[in-house]
Amino acid sequence: QRFQIWGASVNFDYLINKNLMWRLEFRNLQSKDPIFQKIDQSHPNVKNNFFITTMLAAWF
């Protein structure tokens, strides 16, 4: 059996000033098999994993 997974993400970048950028990203991973664990590991695995991340980047 082959490992099959696909993913997609959408992000929004905002340049706060010339040396500071903020990013907001939405990401979804999908599998044909239930391979993703929930935070509460007492529940069964699931087929999708959706999460939101954010970051700040600075450069000089």
PDB file of N, CA and C in Angstrom:
ATOM      1  N   GLN A   1       0.847  -1.187   0.000  1.00  0.00           N
ATOM      2  CA  GLN A   1       0.000   0.000   0.000  1.00  0.00           C
ATOM      3  C   GLN A   1       0.885   1.240   0.000  1.00  0.00           C
ATOM      4  N   ARG A   2       0.548   2.194  -0.852  1.00  0.00           N
ATOM      5  CA  ARG A   2       1.330   3.420  -0.976  1.00  0.00           C
ATOM      6  C   ARG A   2       0.857   4.478   0.004  1.00  0.00           C
ATOM      7  N   PHE A   3       1.797   5.288   0.444  1.00  0.00           N
ATOM      8  CA  PHE A   3       1.510   6.443   1.288  1.00  0.00           C
ATOM      9  C   PHE A   3       1.023   7.564   0.375  1.00  0.00           C
ATOM     10  N   GLN A   4      -0.224   8.004   0.546  1.00  0.00           N
ATOM     11  CA  GLN A   4      -0.780   9.049  -0.317  1.00  0.00           C
ATOM     12  C   GLN A   4      -1.306  10.184   0.542  1.00  0.00           C
ATOM     13  N   ILE A   5      -0.802  11.373   0.255  1.00  0.00           N
ATOM     14  CA  ILE A   5      -1.209  12.565   0.996  1.00  0.00           C
ATOM     15  C   ILE A   5      -1.138  13.759   0.051  1.00  0.00           C
ATOM     16  N   TRP A   6      -1.995  14.721   0.265  1.00  0.00           N
ATOM     17  CA  TRP A   6      -1.905  15.967  -0.481  1.00  0.00           C
ATOM     18  C   TRP A   6      -2.122  17.108   0.496  1.00  0.00           C
ATOM     19  N   GLY A   7      -1.673  18.290   0.107  1.00  0.00           N
ATOM     20  CA  GLY A   7      -1.813  19.445   0.976  1.00  0.00           C
ATOM     21  C   GLY A   7      -2.019  20.712   0.179  1.00  0.00           C
ATOM     22  N   ALA A   8      -2.569  21.700   0.853  1.00  0.00           N
ATOM     23  CA  ALA A   8      -2.783  23.007   0.249  1.00  0.00           C
ATOM     24  C   ALA A   8      -2.613  24.063   1.330  1.00  0.00           C
ATOM     25  N   SER A   9      -2.126  25.221   0.919  1.00  0.00           N
ATOM     26  CA  SER A   9      -1.998  26.315   1.877  1.00  0.00           C
ATOM     27  C   SER A   9      -2.297  27.636   1.186  1.00  0.00           C
ATOM     28  N   VAL A  10      -2.767  28.560   1.983  1.00  0.00           N
ATOM     29  CA  VAL A  10      -3.025  29.929   1.541  1.00  0.00           C
ATOM     30  C   VAL A  10      -2.401  30.828   2.589  1.00  0.00           C
ATOM     31  N   ASN A  11      -1.673  31.844   2.129  1.00  0.00           N
ATOM     32  CA  ASN A  11      -1.102  32.756   3.115  1.00  0.00           C
ATOM     33  C   ASN A  11      -1.349  34.201   2.742  1.00  0.00           C
ATOM     34  N   PHE A  12      -1.235  35.033   3.750  1.00  0.00           N
ATOM     35  CA  PHE A  12      -1.388  36.475   3.614  1.00  0.00           C
ATOM     36  C   PHE A  12      -0.140  37.096   4.213  1.00  0.00           C
ATOM     37  N   ASP A  13       0.592  37.880   3.418  1.00  0.00           N
ATOM     38  CA  ASP A  13       1.787  38.578   3.889  1.00  0.00           C
ATOM     39  C   ASP A  13       1.495  40.066   3.965  1.00  0.00           C
ATOM     40  N   TYR A  14       1.883  40.668   5.079  1.00  0.00           N
ATOM     41  CA  TYR A  14       1.678  42.103   5.268  1.00  0.00           C
ATOM     42  C   TYR A  14       3.009  42.732   5.655  1.00  0.00           C
ATOM     43  N   LEU A  15       3.488  43.651   4.842  1.00  0.00           N
ATOM     44  CA  LEU A  15       4.734  44.358   5.111  1.00  0.00           C
ATOM     45  C   LEU A  15       4.423  45.523   6.049  1.00  0.00           C
ATOM     46  N   ILE A  16       4.760  45.351   7.321  1.00  0.00           N
ATOM     47  CA  ILE A  16       4.461  46.355   8.339  1.00  0.00           C
ATOM     48  C   ILE A  16       5.302  47.601   8.104  1.00  0.00           C
ATOM     49  N   ASN A  17       6.580  47.413   7.860  1.00  0.00           N
ATOM     50  CA  ASN A  17       7.466  48.488   7.409  1.00  0.00           C
ATOM     51  C   ASN A  17       8.579  47.851   6.591  1.00  0.00           C
ATOM     52  N   LYS A  18       9.606  48.609   6.207  1.00  0.00           N
ATOM     53  CA  LYS A  18      10.613  48.064   5.292  1.00  0.00           C
ATOM     54  C   LYS A  18      11.453  46.943   5.900  1.00  0.00           C
ATOM     55  N   ASN A  19      11.388  46.751   7.221  1.00  0.00           N
ATOM     56  CA  ASN A  19      12.181  45.710   7.874  1.00  0.00           C
ATOM     57  C   ASN A  19      11.356  44.701   8.667  1.00  0.00           C
ATOM     58  N   LEU A  20      10.059  44.722   8.515  1.00  0.00           N
ATOM     59  CA  LEU A  20       9.227  43.837   9.330  1.00  0.00           C
ATOM     60  C   LEU A  20       8.031  43.346   8.513  1.00  0.00           C
ATOM     61  N   MET A  21       7.859  42.025   8.472  1.00  0.00           N
ATOM     62  CA  MET A  21       6.744  41.436   7.736  1.00  0.00           C
ATOM     63  C   MET A  21       6.004  40.448   8.635  1.00  0.00           C
ATOM     64  N   TRP A  22       4.686  40.447   8.502  1.00  0.00           N
ATOM     65  CA  TRP A  22       3.831  39.520   9.241  1.00  0.00           C
ATOM     66  C   TRP A  22       3.174  38.582   8.245  1.00  0.00           C
ATOM     67  N   ARG A  23       3.128  37.294   8.571  1.00  0.00           N
ATOM     68  CA  ARG A  23       2.490  36.295   7.705  1.00  0.00           C
ATOM     69  C   ARG A  23       1.447  35.517   8.499  1.00  0.00           C
ATOM     70  N   LEU A  24       0.308  35.287   7.842  1.00  0.00           N
ATOM     71  CA  LEU A  24      -0.753  34.437   8.367  1.00  0.00           C
ATOM     72  C   LEU A  24      -0.968  33.337   7.331  1.00  0.00           C
ATOM     73  N   GLU A  25      -0.933  32.085   7.773  1.00  0.00           N
ATOM     74  CA  GLU A  25      -1.038  30.969   6.827  1.00  0.00           C
ATOM     75  C   GLU A  25      -2.065  29.950   7.304  1.00  0.00           C
ATOM     76  N   PHE A  26      -2.884  29.500   6.364  1.00  0.00           N
ATOM     77  CA  PHE A  26      -3.860  28.438   6.593  1.00  0.00           C
ATOM     78  C   PHE A  26      -3.386  27.235   5.788  1.00  0.00           C
ATOM     79  N   ARG A  27      -3.263  26.088   6.442  1.00  0.00           N
ATOM     80  CA  ARG A  27      -2.739  24.906   5.760  1.00  0.00           C
ATOM     81  C   ARG A  27      -3.613  23.697   6.071  1.00  0.00           C
ATOM     82  N   ASN A  28      -3.847  22.889   5.043  1.00  0.00           N
ATOM     83  CA  ASN A  28      -4.626  21.666   5.206  1.00  0.00           C
ATOM     84  C   ASN A  28      -3.877  20.503   4.560  1.00  0.00           C
ATOM     85  N   LEU A  29      -3.753  19.414   5.300  1.00  0.00           N
ATOM     86  CA  LEU A  29      -3.171  18.177   4.779  1.00  0.00           C
ATOM     87  C   LEU A  29      -4.257  17.117   4.795  1.00  0.00           C
ATOM     88  N   GLN A  30      -4.318  16.325   3.747  1.00  0.00           N
ATOM     89  CA  GLN A  30      -5.370  15.318   3.593  1.00  0.00           C
ATOM     90  C   GLN A  30      -4.732  13.998   3.188  1.00  0.00           C
ATOM     91  N   SER A  31      -5.203  12.912   3.783  1.00  0.00           N
ATOM     92  CA  SER A  31      -4.690  11.579   3.477  1.00  0.00           C
ATOM     93  C   SER A  31      -5.855  10.646   3.183  1.00  0.00           C
ATOM     94  N   LYS A  32      -5.594   9.613   2.390  1.00  0.00           N
ATOM     95  CA  LYS A  32      -6.655   8.628   2.145  1.00  0.00           C
ATOM     96  C   LYS A  32      -6.836   7.705   3.342  1.00  0.00           C
ATOM     97  N   ASP A  33      -5.842   7.671   4.218  1.00  0.00           N
ATOM     98  CA  ASP A  33      -5.899   6.843   5.427  1.00  0.00           C
ATOM     99  C   ASP A  33      -5.844   7.735   6.668  1.00  0.00           C
ATOM    100  N   PRO A  34      -6.407   7.309   7.773  1.00  0.00           N
ATOM    101  CA  PRO A  34      -6.379   8.109   9.006  1.00  0.00           C
ATOM    102  C   PRO A  34      -5.003   8.038   9.683  1.00  0.00           C
ATOM    103  N   ILE A  35      -4.097   8.944   9.284  1.00  0.00           N
ATOM    104  CA  ILE A  35      -2.720   8.908   9.795  1.00  0.00           C
ATOM    105  C   ILE A  35      -2.407  10.031  10.777  1.00  0.00           C
ATOM    106  N   PHE A  36      -3.276  11.030  10.872  1.00  0.00           N
ATOM    107  CA  PHE A  36      -2.991  12.186  11.723  1.00  0.00           C
ATOM    108  C   PHE A  36      -3.558  11.978  13.120  1.00  0.00           C
ATOM    109  N   GLN A  37      -2.732  12.258  14.126  1.00  0.00           N
ATOM    110  CA  GLN A  37      -3.178  12.124  15.507  1.00  0.00           C
ATOM    111  C   GLN A  37      -3.821  13.414  15.978  1.00  0.00           C
ATOM    112  N   LYS A  38      -4.864  13.284  16.775  1.00  0.00           N
ATOM    113  CA  LYS A  38      -5.464  14.431  17.443  1.00  0.00           C
ATOM    114  C   LYS A  38      -4.559  14.822  18.609  1.00  0.00           C
ATOM    115  N   ILE A  39      -4.722  16.044  19.114  1.00  0.00           N
ATOM    116  CA  ILE A  39      -3.948  16.474  20.279  1.00  0.00           C
ATOM    117  C   ILE A  39      -4.231  15.547  21.453  1.00  0.00           C
ATOM    118  N   ASP A  40      -5.501  15.233  21.642  1.00  0.00           N
ATOM    119  CA  ASP A  40      -5.900  14.268  22.663  1.00  0.00           C
ATOM    120  C   ASP A  40      -5.755  12.882  22.042  1.00  0.00           C
ATOM    121  N   GLN A  41      -4.691  12.189  22.361  1.00  0.00           N
ATOM    122  CA  GLN A  41      -4.374  10.927  21.694  1.00  0.00           C
ATOM    123  C   GLN A  41      -5.302   9.780  22.076  1.00  0.00           C
ATOM    124  N   SER A  42      -6.279  10.035  22.940  1.00  0.00           N
ATOM    125  CA  SER A  42      -7.240   8.980  23.270  1.00  0.00           C
ATOM    126  C   SER A  42      -8.294   8.824  22.173  1.00  0.00           C
ATOM    127  N   HIS A  43      -8.352   9.772  21.226  1.00  0.00           N
ATOM    128  CA  HIS A  43      -9.276   9.680  20.095  1.00  0.00           C
ATOM    129  C   HIS A  43      -8.588   8.973  18.930  1.00  0.00           C
ATOM    130  N   PRO A  44      -9.346   8.360  18.038  1.00  0.00           N
ATOM    131  CA  PRO A  44      -8.730   7.694  16.882  1.00  0.00           C
ATOM    132  C   PRO A  44      -8.108   8.713  15.924  1.00  0.00           C
ATOM    133  N   ASN A  45      -7.171   8.235  15.115  1.00  0.00           N
ATOM    134  CA  ASN A  45      -6.542   9.093  14.112  1.00  0.00           C
ATOM    135  C   ASN A  45      -7.582   9.577  13.102  1.00  0.00           C
ATOM    136  N   VAL A  46      -7.249  10.678  12.418  1.00  0.00           N
ATOM    137  CA  VAL A  46      -8.152  11.275  11.436  1.00  0.00           C
ATOM    138  C   VAL A  46      -7.446  11.389  10.085  1.00  0.00           C
ATOM    139  N   LYS A  47      -8.218  11.679   9.039  1.00  0.00           N
ATOM    140  CA  LYS A  47      -7.678  11.752   7.679  1.00  0.00           C
ATOM    141  C   LYS A  47      -7.201  13.144   7.285  1.00  0.00           C
ATOM    142  N   ASN A  48      -7.540  14.172   8.054  1.00  0.00           N
ATOM    143  CA  ASN A  48      -7.102  15.511   7.678  1.00  0.00           C
ATOM    144  C   ASN A  48      -6.466  16.226   8.865  1.00  0.00           C
ATOM    145  N   ASN A  49      -5.654  17.231   8.533  1.00  0.00           N
ATOM    146  CA  ASN A  49      -4.953  18.016   9.534  1.00  0.00           C
ATOM    147  C   ASN A  49      -4.971  19.465   9.066  1.00  0.00           C
ATOM    148  N   PHE A  50      -5.783  20.294   9.698  1.00  0.00           N
ATOM    149  CA  PHE A  50      -5.894  21.707   9.344  1.00  0.00           C
ATOM    150  C   PHE A  50      -5.283  22.530  10.456  1.00  0.00           C
ATOM    151  N   PHE A  51      -4.473  23.514  10.084  1.00  0.00           N
ATOM    152  CA  PHE A  51      -3.915  24.385  11.106  1.00  0.00           C
ATOM    153  C   PHE A  51      -3.640  25.771  10.552  1.00  0.00           C
ATOM    154  N   ILE A  52      -3.537  26.711  11.470  1.00  0.00           N
ATOM    155  CA  ILE A  52      -3.269  28.114  11.166  1.00  0.00           C
ATOM    156  C   ILE A  52      -1.965  28.479  11.863  1.00  0.00           C
ATOM    157  N   THR A  53      -1.067  29.124  11.127  1.00  0.00           N
ATOM    158  CA  THR A  53       0.184  29.582  11.720  1.00  0.00           C
ATOM    159  C   THR A  53       0.372  31.060  11.425  1.00  0.00           C
ATOM    160  N   THR A  54       1.171  31.696  12.231  1.00  0.00           N
ATOM    161  CA  THR A  54       1.506  33.095  12.018  1.00  0.00           C
ATOM    162  C   THR A  54       2.979  33.284  12.356  1.00  0.00           C
ATOM    163  N   MET A  55       3.591  34.300  11.772  1.00  0.00           N
ATOM    164  CA  MET A  55       4.992  34.581  12.070  1.00  0.00           C
ATOM    165  C   MET A  55       5.299  36.036  11.793  1.00  0.00           C
ATOM    166  N   LEU A  56       6.348  36.484  12.436  1.00  0.00           N
ATOM    167  CA  LEU A  56       6.895  37.816  12.214  1.00  0.00           C
ATOM    168  C   LEU A  56       8.330  37.645  11.753  1.00  0.00           C
ATOM    169  N   ALA A  57       8.711  38.320  10.688  1.00  0.00           N
ATOM    170  CA  ALA A  57      10.086  38.254  10.187  1.00  0.00           C
ATOM    171  C   ALA A  57      10.665  39.663  10.172  1.00  0.00           C
ATOM    172  N   ALA A  58      11.887  39.776  10.673  1.00  0.00           N
ATOM    173  CA  ALA A  58      12.589  41.063  10.677  1.00  0.00           C
ATOM    174  C   ALA A  58      13.940  40.880  10.006  1.00  0.00           C
ATOM    175  N   TRP A  59      14.381  41.869   9.275  1.00  0.00           N
ATOM    176  CA  TRP A  59      15.703  41.832   8.655  1.00  0.00           C
ATOM    177  C   TRP A  59      16.332  43.211   8.766  1.00  0.00           C
ATOM    178  N   PHE A  60      17.667  43.193   8.769  1.00  0.00           N
ATOM    179  CA  PHE A  60      18.429  44.449   8.969  1.00  0.00           C
ATOM    180  C   PHE A  60      19.498  44.592   7.920  1.00  0.00           C
TER     181      PHE A  60
END
